[in-house]
PDB file of all heavy atoms in Angstrom:
ATOM      1  N   TRP A   1      10.050 -10.138  10.072  1.00  0.00           N
ATOM      2  CA  TRP A   1      10.479  -8.752  10.361  1.00  0.00           C
ATOM      3  C   TRP A   1       9.516  -8.166  11.380  1.00  0.00           C
ATOM      4  O   TRP A   1       8.362  -7.877  11.037  1.00  0.00           O
ATOM      5  CB  TRP A   1      10.490  -7.913   9.101  1.00  0.00           C
ATOM      6  CG  TRP A   1      11.361  -8.455   8.017  1.00  0.00           C
ATOM      7  CD1 TRP A   1      10.957  -9.036   6.851  1.00  0.00           C
ATOM      8  CD2 TRP A   1      12.775  -8.451   7.983  1.00  0.00           C
ATOM      9  NE1 TRP A   1      12.050  -9.414   6.097  1.00  0.00           N
ATOM     10  CE2 TRP A   1      13.193  -9.083   6.779  1.00  0.00           C
ATOM     11  CE3 TRP A   1      13.755  -8.000   8.890  1.00  0.00           C
ATOM     12  CZ2 TRP A   1      14.524  -9.259   6.441  1.00  0.00           C
ATOM     13  CZ3 TRP A   1      15.085  -8.195   8.536  1.00  0.00           C
ATOM     14  CH2 TRP A   1      15.458  -8.799   7.333  1.00  0.00           C
ATOM     15  N   ASN A   2       9.942  -8.059  12.586  1.00  0.00           N
ATOM     16  CA  ASN A   2       9.102  -7.512  13.679  1.00  0.00           C
ATOM     17  C   ASN A   2       9.473  -6.018  13.832  1.00  0.00           C
ATOM     18  O   ASN A   2      10.412  -5.671  14.577  1.00  0.00           O
ATOM     19  CB  ASN A   2       9.364  -8.288  14.961  1.00  0.00           C
ATOM     20  CG  ASN A   2       8.543  -7.778  16.144  1.00  0.00           C
ATOM     21  OD1 ASN A   2       7.576  -7.056  15.936  1.00  0.00           O
ATOM     22  ND2 ASN A   2       8.969  -8.125  17.342  1.00  0.00           N
ATOM     23  N   THR A   3       8.763  -5.160  13.078  1.00  0.00           N
ATOM     24  CA  THR A   3       9.075  -3.748  13.092  1.00  0.00           C
ATOM     25  C   THR A   3       8.547  -3.089  14.370  1.00  0.00           C
ATOM     26  O   THR A   3       7.349  -3.208  14.669  1.00  0.00           O
ATOM     27  CB  THR A   3       8.478  -3.063  11.861  1.00  0.00           C
ATOM     28  OG1 THR A   3       8.987  -3.693  10.678  1.00  0.00           O
ATOM     29  CG2 THR A   3       8.832  -1.565  11.831  1.00  0.00           C
ATOM     30  N   LEU A   4       9.412  -2.429  15.103  1.00  0.00           N
ATOM     31  CA  LEU A   4       9.056  -1.769  16.343  1.00  0.00           C
ATOM     32  C   LEU A   4       8.932  -0.251  16.167  1.00  0.00           C
ATOM     33  O   LEU A   4       8.168   0.398  16.856  1.00  0.00           O
ATOM     34  CB  LEU A   4      10.063  -2.125  17.428  1.00  0.00           C
ATOM     35  CG  LEU A   4      10.250  -3.585  17.747  1.00  0.00           C
ATOM     36  CD1 LEU A   4      11.357  -3.776  18.723  1.00  0.00           C
ATOM     37  CD2 LEU A   4       8.959  -4.203  18.261  1.00  0.00           C
ATOM     38  N   ARG A   5       9.721   0.327  15.243  1.00  0.00           N
ATOM     39  CA  ARG A   5       9.754   1.735  15.005  1.00  0.00           C
ATOM     40  C   ARG A   5       9.808   2.002  13.515  1.00  0.00           C
ATOM     41  O   ARG A   5      10.468   1.260  12.781  1.00  0.00           O
ATOM     42  CB  ARG A   5      10.936   2.382  15.675  1.00  0.00           C
ATOM     43  CG  ARG A   5      10.884   2.377  17.219  1.00  0.00           C
ATOM     44  CD  ARG A   5      12.171   2.853  17.857  1.00  0.00           C
ATOM     45  NE  ARG A   5      13.293   1.940  17.529  1.00  0.00           N
ATOM     46  CZ  ARG A   5      13.579   0.845  18.203  1.00  0.00           C
ATOM     47  NH1 ARG A   5      12.838   0.497  19.231  1.00  0.00           N
ATOM     48  NH2 ARG A   5      14.585   0.083  17.848  1.00  0.00           N
ATOM     49  N   PRO A   6       9.107   3.026  13.018  1.00  0.00           N
ATOM     50  CA  PRO A   6       8.279   4.014  13.722  1.00  0.00           C
ATOM     51  C   PRO A   6       6.856   3.501  14.011  1.00  0.00           C
ATOM     52  O   PRO A   6       6.176   4.067  14.845  1.00  0.00           O
ATOM     53  CB  PRO A   6       8.213   5.168  12.738  1.00  0.00           C
ATOM     54  CG  PRO A   6       8.306   4.538  11.395  1.00  0.00           C
ATOM     55  CD  PRO A   6       9.253   3.370  11.572  1.00  0.00           C
ATOM     56  N   VAL A   7       6.394   2.464  13.327  1.00  0.00           N
ATOM     57  CA  VAL A   7       5.066   1.895  13.541  1.00  0.00           C
ATOM     58  C   VAL A   7       5.165   0.406  13.747  1.00  0.00           C
ATOM     59  O   VAL A   7       5.852  -0.282  12.950  1.00  0.00           O
ATOM     60  CB  VAL A   7       4.130   2.212  12.329  1.00  0.00           C
ATOM     61  CG1 VAL A   7       2.762   1.606  12.599  1.00  0.00           C
ATOM     62  CG2 VAL A   7       4.028   3.711  12.096  1.00  0.00           C
ATOM     63  N   ARG A   8       4.535  -0.110  14.760  1.00  0.00           N
ATOM     64  CA  ARG A   8       4.619  -1.550  15.067  1.00  0.00           C
ATOM     65  C   ARG A   8       3.884  -2.348  14.016  1.00  0.00           C
ATOM     66  O   ARG A   8       2.733  -2.090  13.699  1.00  0.00           O
ATOM     67  CB  ARG A   8       4.034  -1.819  16.450  1.00  0.00           C
ATOM     68  CG  ARG A   8       4.049  -3.311  16.855  1.00  0.00           C
ATOM     69  CD  ARG A   8       5.491  -3.753  17.144  1.00  0.00           C
ATOM     70  NE  ARG A   8       5.580  -5.172  17.270  1.00  0.00           N
ATOM     71  CZ  ARG A   8       5.394  -5.864  18.390  1.00  0.00           C
ATOM     72  NH1 ARG A   8       5.022  -5.252  19.489  1.00  0.00           N
ATOM     73  NH2 ARG A   8       5.568  -7.164  18.420  1.00  0.00           N
ATOM     74  N   SER A   9       4.576  -3.368  13.477  1.00  0.00           N
ATOM     75  CA  SER A   9       3.935  -4.312  12.561  1.00  0.00           C
ATOM     76  C   SER A   9       4.839  -5.524  12.458  1.00  0.00           C
ATOM     77  O   SER A   9       6.005  -5.484  12.822  1.00  0.00           O
ATOM     78  CB  SER A   9       3.708  -3.690  11.158  1.00  0.00           C
ATOM     79  OG  SER A   9       4.957  -3.411  10.560  1.00  0.00           O
ATOM     80  N   ILE A  10       4.269  -6.652  12.009  1.00  0.00           N
ATOM     81  CA  ILE A  10       5.052  -7.877  11.823  1.00  0.00           C
ATOM     82  C   ILE A  10       4.788  -8.424  10.449  1.00  0.00           C
ATOM     83  O   ILE A  10       3.630  -8.586  10.043  1.00  0.00           O
ATOM     84  CB  ILE A  10       4.672  -8.940  12.892  1.00  0.00           C
ATOM     85  CG1 ILE A  10       4.889  -8.363  14.326  1.00  0.00           C
ATOM     86  CG2 ILE A  10       5.493 -10.212  12.715  1.00  0.00           C
ATOM     87  CD1 ILE A  10       4.286  -9.247  15.429  1.00  0.00           C
ATOM     88  N   SER A  11       5.854  -8.712   9.710  1.00  0.00           N
ATOM     89  CA  SER A  11       5.723  -9.300   8.381  1.00  0.00           C
ATOM     90  C   SER A  11       6.435 -10.654   8.424  1.00  0.00           C
ATOM     91  O   SER A  11       7.608 -10.744   8.757  1.00  0.00           O
ATOM     92  CB  SER A  11       6.357  -8.451   7.317  1.00  0.00           C
ATOM     93  OG  SER A  11       5.712  -7.178   7.245  1.00  0.00           O
ATOM     94  N   THR A  12       5.696 -11.706   8.070  1.00  0.00           N
ATOM     95  CA  THR A  12       6.277 -13.062   8.005  1.00  0.00           C
ATOM     96  C   THR A  12       6.220 -13.503   6.585  1.00  0.00           C
ATOM     97  O   THR A  12       5.140 -13.513   5.948  1.00  0.00           O
ATOM     98  CB  THR A  12       5.512 -14.052   8.894  1.00  0.00           C
ATOM     99  OG1 THR A  12       5.497 -13.582  10.260  1.00  0.00           O
ATOM    100  CG2 THR A  12       6.117 -15.418   8.840  1.00  0.00           C
ATOM    101  N   ILE A  13       7.358 -13.893   6.016  1.00  0.00           N
ATOM    102  CA  ILE A  13       7.408 -14.293   4.610  1.00  0.00           C
ATOM    103  C   ILE A  13       7.915 -15.709   4.505  1.00  0.00           C
ATOM    104  O   ILE A  13       8.986 -16.053   5.003  1.00  0.00           O
ATOM    105  CB  ILE A  13       8.344 -13.384   3.796  1.00  0.00           C
ATOM    106  CG1 ILE A  13       7.866 -11.903   3.859  1.00  0.00           C
ATOM    107  CG2 ILE A  13       8.395 -13.798   2.355  1.00  0.00           C
ATOM    108  CD1 ILE A  13       8.511 -11.068   4.923  1.00  0.00           C
ATOM    109  N   THR A  14       7.098 -16.572   3.913  1.00  0.00           N
ATOM    110  CA  THR A  14       7.503 -17.922   3.565  1.00  0.00           C
ATOM    111  C   THR A  14       7.472 -18.074   2.038  1.00  0.00           C
ATOM    112  O   THR A  14       7.164 -17.089   1.359  1.00  0.00           O
ATOM    113  CB  THR A  14       6.559 -18.961   4.222  1.00  0.00           C
ATOM    114  OG1 THR A  14       5.306 -18.939   3.541  1.00  0.00           O
ATOM    115  CG2 THR A  14       6.335 -18.647   5.704  1.00  0.00           C
ATOM    116  N   ASP A  15       7.764 -19.245   1.534  1.00  0.00           N
ATOM    117  CA  ASP A  15       7.742 -19.393   0.090  1.00  0.00           C
ATOM    118  C   ASP A  15       6.340 -19.595  -0.438  1.00  0.00           C
ATOM    119  O   ASP A  15       6.137 -19.669  -1.649  1.00  0.00           O
ATOM    120  CB  ASP A  15       8.654 -20.558  -0.329  1.00  0.00           C
ATOM    121  CG  ASP A  15       8.272 -21.862   0.298  1.00  0.00           C
ATOM    122  OD1 ASP A  15       7.365 -21.882   1.149  1.00  0.00           O
ATOM    123  OD2 ASP A  15       8.923 -22.910  -0.027  1.00  0.00           O
ATOM    124  N   ARG A  16       5.307 -19.626   0.453  1.00  0.00           N
ATOM    125  CA  ARG A  16       3.939 -19.822  -0.014  1.00  0.00           C
ATOM    126  C   ARG A  16       2.946 -18.799   0.547  1.00  0.00           C
ATOM    127  O   ARG A  16       1.844 -18.683   0.091  1.00  0.00           O
ATOM    128  CB  ARG A  16       3.451 -21.218   0.365  1.00  0.00           C
ATOM    129  CG  ARG A  16       4.119 -22.330  -0.439  1.00  0.00           C
ATOM    130  CD  ARG A  16       3.718 -22.260  -1.906  1.00  0.00           C
ATOM    131  NE  ARG A  16       4.421 -23.223  -2.725  1.00  0.00           N
ATOM    132  CZ  ARG A  16       5.483 -22.956  -3.451  1.00  0.00           C
ATOM    133  NH1 ARG A  16       5.998 -21.713  -3.467  1.00  0.00           N
ATOM    134  NH2 ARG A  16       6.067 -23.892  -4.174  1.00  0.00           N
ATOM    135  N   GLN A  17       3.358 -18.002   1.584  1.00  0.00           N
ATOM    136  CA  GLN A  17       2.450 -17.070   2.204  1.00  0.00           C
ATOM    137  C   GLN A  17       3.209 -15.818   2.696  1.00  0.00           C
ATOM    138  O   GLN A  17       4.390 -15.886   3.057  1.00  0.00           O
ATOM    139  CB  GLN A  17       1.721 -17.681   3.410  1.00  0.00           C
ATOM    140  CG  GLN A  17       0.644 -18.654   3.045  1.00  0.00           C
ATOM    141  CD  GLN A  17      -0.084 -19.097   4.291  1.00  0.00           C
ATOM    142  OE1 GLN A  17       0.473 -19.299   5.351  1.00  0.00           O
ATOM    143  NE2 GLN A  17      -1.415 -19.290   4.166  1.00  0.00           N
ATOM    144  N   ILE A  18       2.469 -14.720   2.751  1.00  0.00           N
ATOM    145  CA  ILE A  18       2.928 -13.544   3.502  1.00  0.00           C
ATOM    146  C   ILE A  18       1.859 -13.305   4.601  1.00  0.00           C
ATOM    147  O   ILE A  18       0.669 -13.238   4.306  1.00  0.00           O
ATOM    148  CB  ILE A  18       2.979 -12.307   2.584  1.00  0.00           C
ATOM    149  CG1 ILE A  18       3.985 -12.491   1.455  1.00  0.00           C
ATOM    150  CG2 ILE A  18       3.374 -11.065   3.399  1.00  0.00           C
ATOM    151  CD1 ILE A  18       3.973 -11.407   0.448  1.00  0.00           C
ATOM    152  N   ILE A  19       2.336 -13.264   5.811  1.00  0.00           N
ATOM    153  CA  ILE A  19       1.453 -13.069   6.965  1.00  0.00           C
ATOM    154  C   ILE A  19       1.759 -11.660   7.557  1.00  0.00           C
ATOM    155  O   ILE A  19       2.881 -11.432   8.019  1.00  0.00           O
ATOM    156  CB  ILE A  19       1.637 -14.152   8.050  1.00  0.00           C
ATOM    157  CG1 ILE A  19       1.486 -15.526   7.433  1.00  0.00           C
ATOM    158  CG2 ILE A  19       0.668 -13.947   9.208  1.00  0.00           C
ATOM    159  CD1 ILE A  19       1.913 -16.652   8.364  1.00  0.00           C
ATOM    160  N   LEU A  20       0.797 -10.792   7.543  1.00  0.00           N
ATOM    161  CA  LEU A  20       0.949  -9.445   8.075  1.00  0.00           C
ATOM    162  C   LEU A  20       0.143  -9.309   9.363  1.00  0.00           C
ATOM    163  O   LEU A  20      -1.036  -9.613   9.403  1.00  0.00           O
ATOM    164  CB  LEU A  20       0.456  -8.395   7.031  1.00  0.00           C
ATOM    165  CG  LEU A  20       1.170  -8.466   5.663  1.00  0.00           C
ATOM    166  CD1 LEU A  20       0.533  -7.416   4.738  1.00  0.00           C
ATOM    167  CD2 LEU A  20       2.650  -8.225   5.802  1.00  0.00           C
ATOM    168  N   THR A  21       0.820  -8.898  10.419  1.00  0.00           N
ATOM    169  CA  THR A  21       0.195  -8.747  11.752  1.00  0.00           C
ATOM    170  C   THR A  21       0.288  -7.280  12.144  1.00  0.00           C
ATOM    171  O   THR A  21       1.365  -6.737  12.204  1.00  0.00           O
ATOM    172  CB  THR A  21       0.853  -9.626  12.799  1.00  0.00           C
ATOM    173  OG1 THR A  21       0.956 -10.992  12.327  1.00  0.00           O
ATOM    174  CG2 THR A  21       0.097  -9.581  14.102  1.00  0.00           C
ATOM    175  N   ASN A  22      -0.869  -6.646  12.398  1.00  0.00           N
ATOM    176  CA  ASN A  22      -0.834  -5.234  12.790  1.00  0.00           C
ATOM    177  C   ASN A  22      -0.643  -5.052  14.279  1.00  0.00           C
ATOM    178  O   ASN A  22      -0.506  -6.048  15.035  1.00  0.00           O
ATOM    179  CB  ASN A  22      -2.080  -4.491  12.257  1.00  0.00           C
ATOM    180  CG  ASN A  22      -3.371  -5.030  12.916  1.00  0.00           C
ATOM    181  OD1 ASN A  22      -3.349  -5.655  13.960  1.00  0.00           O
ATOM    182  ND2 ASN A  22      -4.485  -4.788  12.280  1.00  0.00           N
ATOM    183  N   SER A  23      -0.644  -3.820  14.743  1.00  0.00           N
ATOM    184  CA  SER A  23      -0.291  -3.549  16.136  1.00  0.00           C
ATOM    185  C   SER A  23      -1.257  -4.098  17.142  1.00  0.00           C
ATOM    186  O   SER A  23      -0.896  -4.330  18.308  1.00  0.00           O
ATOM    187  CB  SER A  23      -0.169  -2.000  16.298  1.00  0.00           C
ATOM    188  OG  SER A  23      -1.401  -1.365  15.972  1.00  0.00           O
ATOM    189  N   ASP A  24      -2.532  -4.383  16.751  1.00  0.00           N
ATOM    190  CA  ASP A  24      -3.480  -4.950  17.698  1.00  0.00           C
ATOM    191  C   ASP A  24      -3.588  -6.466  17.592  1.00  0.00           C
ATOM    192  O   ASP A  24      -4.475  -7.087  18.159  1.00  0.00           O
ATOM    193  CB  ASP A  24      -4.864  -4.313  17.543  1.00  0.00           C
ATOM    194  CG  ASP A  24      -5.500  -4.575  16.185  1.00  0.00           C
ATOM    195  OD1 ASP A  24      -4.902  -5.360  15.378  1.00  0.00           O
ATOM    196  OD2 ASP A  24      -6.558  -3.999  15.905  1.00  0.00           O
ATOM    197  N   GLY A  25      -2.677  -7.102  16.799  1.00  0.00           N
ATOM    198  CA  GLY A  25      -2.626  -8.552  16.747  1.00  0.00           C
ATOM    199  C   GLY A  25      -3.416  -9.170  15.633  1.00  0.00           C
ATOM    200  O   GLY A  25      -3.353 -10.405  15.438  1.00  0.00           O
ATOM    201  N   ARG A  26      -4.170  -8.402  14.860  1.00  0.00           N
ATOM    202  CA  ARG A  26      -4.940  -8.980  13.733  1.00  0.00           C
ATOM    203  C   ARG A  26      -4.025  -9.324  12.590  1.00  0.00           C
ATOM    204  O   ARG A  26      -3.096  -8.596  12.256  1.00  0.00           O
ATOM    205  CB  ARG A  26      -6.029  -7.985  13.282  1.00  0.00           C
ATOM    206  CG  ARG A  26      -7.173  -7.810  14.255  1.00  0.00           C
ATOM    207  CD  ARG A  26      -8.187  -6.853  13.742  1.00  0.00           C
ATOM    208  NE  ARG A  26      -7.658  -5.524  13.565  1.00  0.00           N
ATOM    209  CZ  ARG A  26      -8.300  -4.508  13.012  1.00  0.00           C
ATOM    210  NH1 ARG A  26      -9.527  -4.689  12.571  1.00  0.00           N
ATOM    211  NH2 ARG A  26      -7.738  -3.333  12.903  1.00  0.00           N
ATOM    212  N   LYS A  27      -4.309 -10.476  11.989  1.00  0.00           N
ATOM    213  CA  LYS A  27      -3.484 -11.003  10.912  1.00  0.00           C
ATOM    214  C   LYS A  27      -4.238 -10.946   9.591  1.00  0.00           C
ATOM    215  O   LYS A  27      -5.460 -11.184   9.544  1.00  0.00           O
ATOM    216  CB  LYS A  27      -3.043 -12.435  11.186  1.00  0.00           C
ATOM    217  CG  LYS A  27      -2.047 -12.580  12.331  1.00  0.00           C
ATOM    218  CD  LYS A  27      -1.590 -14.036  12.471  1.00  0.00           C
ATOM    219  CE  LYS A  27      -0.542 -14.145  13.562  1.00  0.00           C
ATOM    220  NZ  LYS A  27       0.005 -15.534  13.672  1.00  0.00           N
TER     221      LYS A  27
END
């Protein structure tokens, strides 16, 4: 889920991990 609005963030969900990426690229 690459959220663009209202706040930029990326959530990646697999069956073993959740990867959260903030607006400056830190995971």
